């Protein structure tokens, strides 16, 4: 199975920036559509952003449009989430998800915690 490891979380200030990474091992990520999800305390998990296999199509939740950018580096087998103009409402555990093109099976990382506070 594909293995995913998120990193880059931590403490960010309102208006500041953080960059999350999702590093894959076992198989090339170009077989997968990649998404970022998050779950805040007391709330359901929600989709944040996703990127197509070739990187040409991206989608964003309304709450992060214009602030977050998803990208992928095929050489490093890694997907990134650049988070700018952070808000306290962005505080959550962020999870990386990969969906295999042939079976649509989903693989998840263990998550990385992002806390936005002054």
Protein backbone atom coordinates (compact mmCIF):
# COMPACT_ATOMS: atom_id res chain seq x y z
CA UNK A 1 0.00 0.00 0.00
CA UNK A 2 0.95 3.61 -0.49
CA UNK A 3 2.38 5.24 2.65
CA UNK A 4 1.79 8.94 3.34
CA UNK A 5 3.49 11.13 5.95
CA UNK A 6 2.41 14.72 6.61
CA UNK A 7 4.73 17.35 8.06
CA UNK A 8 5.03 21.12 8.43
CA UNK A 9 2.35 21.71 11.02
CA UNK A 10 2.85 23.78 14.12
CA UNK A 11 2.01 27.21 15.47
CA UNK A 12 1.18 29.98 13.03
CA UNK A 13 0.14 33.57 13.63
CA UNK A 14 -3.01 35.12 12.18
CA UNK A 15 -2.03 36.58 8.82
CA UNK A 16 1.07 34.40 8.67
CA UNK A 17 1.99 31.39 6.55
CA UNK A 18 2.76 27.70 6.86
CA UNK A 19 3.58 25.05 4.28
CA UNK A 20 2.43 21.47 4.76
CA UNK A 21 4.08 18.52 3.03
CA UNK A 22 2.74 15.08 2.20
CA UNK A 23 5.59 12.72 1.39
CA UNK A 24 4.77 9.38 -0.24
CA UNK A 25 6.66 6.11 -0.31
CA UNK A 26 6.05 2.74 -1.89
CA UNK A 27 4.52 3.91 -5.19
CA UNK A 28 4.72 6.97 -7.45
CA UNK A 29 2.18 9.62 -6.60
CA UNK A 30 1.35 10.24 -10.25
CA UNK A 31 -1.05 7.28 -10.03
CA UNK A 32 -3.13 9.19 -7.49
CA UNK A 33 -5.41 12.17 -7.15
CA UNK A 34 -4.30 13.95 -3.97
CA UNK A 35 -6.42 15.85 -1.47
CA UNK A 36 -5.94 17.72 1.78
CA UNK A 37 -8.58 17.43 4.51
CA UNK A 38 -8.82 18.92 7.97
CA UNK A 39 -10.71 18.30 11.18
CA UNK A 40 -11.14 21.01 13.81
CA UNK A 41 -12.02 20.20 17.43
CA UNK A 42 -15.69 19.34 17.73
CA UNK A 43 -16.29 19.46 13.98
CA UNK A 44 -16.52 16.98 11.13
CA UNK A 45 -13.66 16.39 8.72
CA UNK A 46 -13.87 18.64 5.67
CA UNK A 47 -12.16 18.78 2.32
CA UNK A 48 -9.69 21.63 1.87
CA UNK A 49 -8.12 21.15 -1.56
CA UNK A 50 -7.34 18.54 -4.18
CA UNK A 51 -5.12 18.22 -7.24
CA UNK A 52 -5.37 16.00 -10.31
CA UNK A 53 -2.84 13.36 -11.34
CA UNK A 54 -1.13 15.67 -13.82
CA UNK A 55 -1.36 18.72 -11.57
CA UNK A 56 -3.45 20.60 -14.12
CA UNK A 57 -6.71 20.77 -12.17
CA UNK A 58 -7.08 22.02 -8.61
CA UNK A 59 -10.06 22.63 -6.35
CA UNK A 60 -10.41 24.56 -3.10
CA UNK A 61 -13.00 24.89 -0.39
CA UNK A 62 -14.66 28.30 -0.33
CA UNK A 63 -13.16 28.98 3.09
CA UNK A 64 -9.57 28.79 1.77
CA UNK A 65 -9.86 30.11 -1.80
CA UNK A 66 -7.31 32.83 -2.46
CA UNK A 67 -5.31 31.90 0.62
CA UNK A 68 -4.17 28.27 0.14
CA UNK A 69 -2.35 26.72 -2.82
CA UNK A 70 -1.90 23.01 -3.53
CA UNK A 71 0.97 21.73 -5.66
CA UNK A 72 2.91 18.55 -6.34
CA UNK A 73 6.55 17.73 -6.97
CA UNK A 74 6.87 14.48 -8.92
CA UNK A 75 10.64 14.24 -8.46
CA UNK A 76 10.25 14.37 -4.68
CA UNK A 77 7.02 12.32 -4.72
CA UNK A 78 5.52 15.00 -2.49
CA UNK A 79 2.39 17.17 -2.41
CA UNK A 80 2.35 20.56 -0.70
CA UNK A 81 -0.26 22.86 0.77
CA UNK A 82 0.91 26.47 1.02
CA UNK A 83 -1.25 28.28 3.56
CA UNK A 84 -1.16 32.08 3.56
CA UNK A 85 -3.20 34.69 5.42
CA UNK A 86 -3.87 32.21 8.20
CA UNK A 87 -6.93 32.60 10.38
CA UNK A 88 -7.67 31.11 13.81
CA UNK A 89 -10.44 29.14 12.09
CA UNK A 90 -7.75 27.23 10.17
CA UNK A 91 -6.75 25.47 13.38
CA UNK A 92 -7.19 21.74 12.78
CA UNK A 93 -5.46 18.45 12.16
CA UNK A 94 -4.64 18.31 8.46
CA UNK A 95 -4.66 14.99 6.62
CA UNK A 96 -3.27 13.99 3.24
CA UNK A 97 -5.37 11.67 1.07
CA UNK A 98 -4.44 9.78 -2.10
CA UNK A 99 -6.94 8.04 -4.39
CA UNK A 100 -5.65 5.39 -6.78
CA UNK A 101 -6.87 5.99 -10.32
CA UNK A 102 -7.80 2.37 -11.11
CA UNK A 103 -9.57 1.25 -7.93
CA UNK A 104 -10.55 4.57 -6.30
CA UNK A 105 -9.22 3.21 -3.01
CA UNK A 106 -8.23 5.97 -0.60
CA UNK A 107 -5.05 6.09 1.48
CA UNK A 108 -4.58 8.43 4.44
CA UNK A 109 -1.69 9.86 6.40
CA UNK A 110 -1.77 10.19 10.18
CA UNK A 111 -2.18 13.97 10.11
CA UNK A 112 -0.28 17.05 11.25
CA UNK A 113 -1.62 19.61 13.72
CA UNK A 114 -1.89 23.27 12.72
CA UNK A 115 -2.64 25.84 15.42
CA UNK A 116 -3.25 29.47 14.47
CA UNK A 117 -3.08 31.84 17.42
CA UNK A 118 -1.50 35.12 18.41
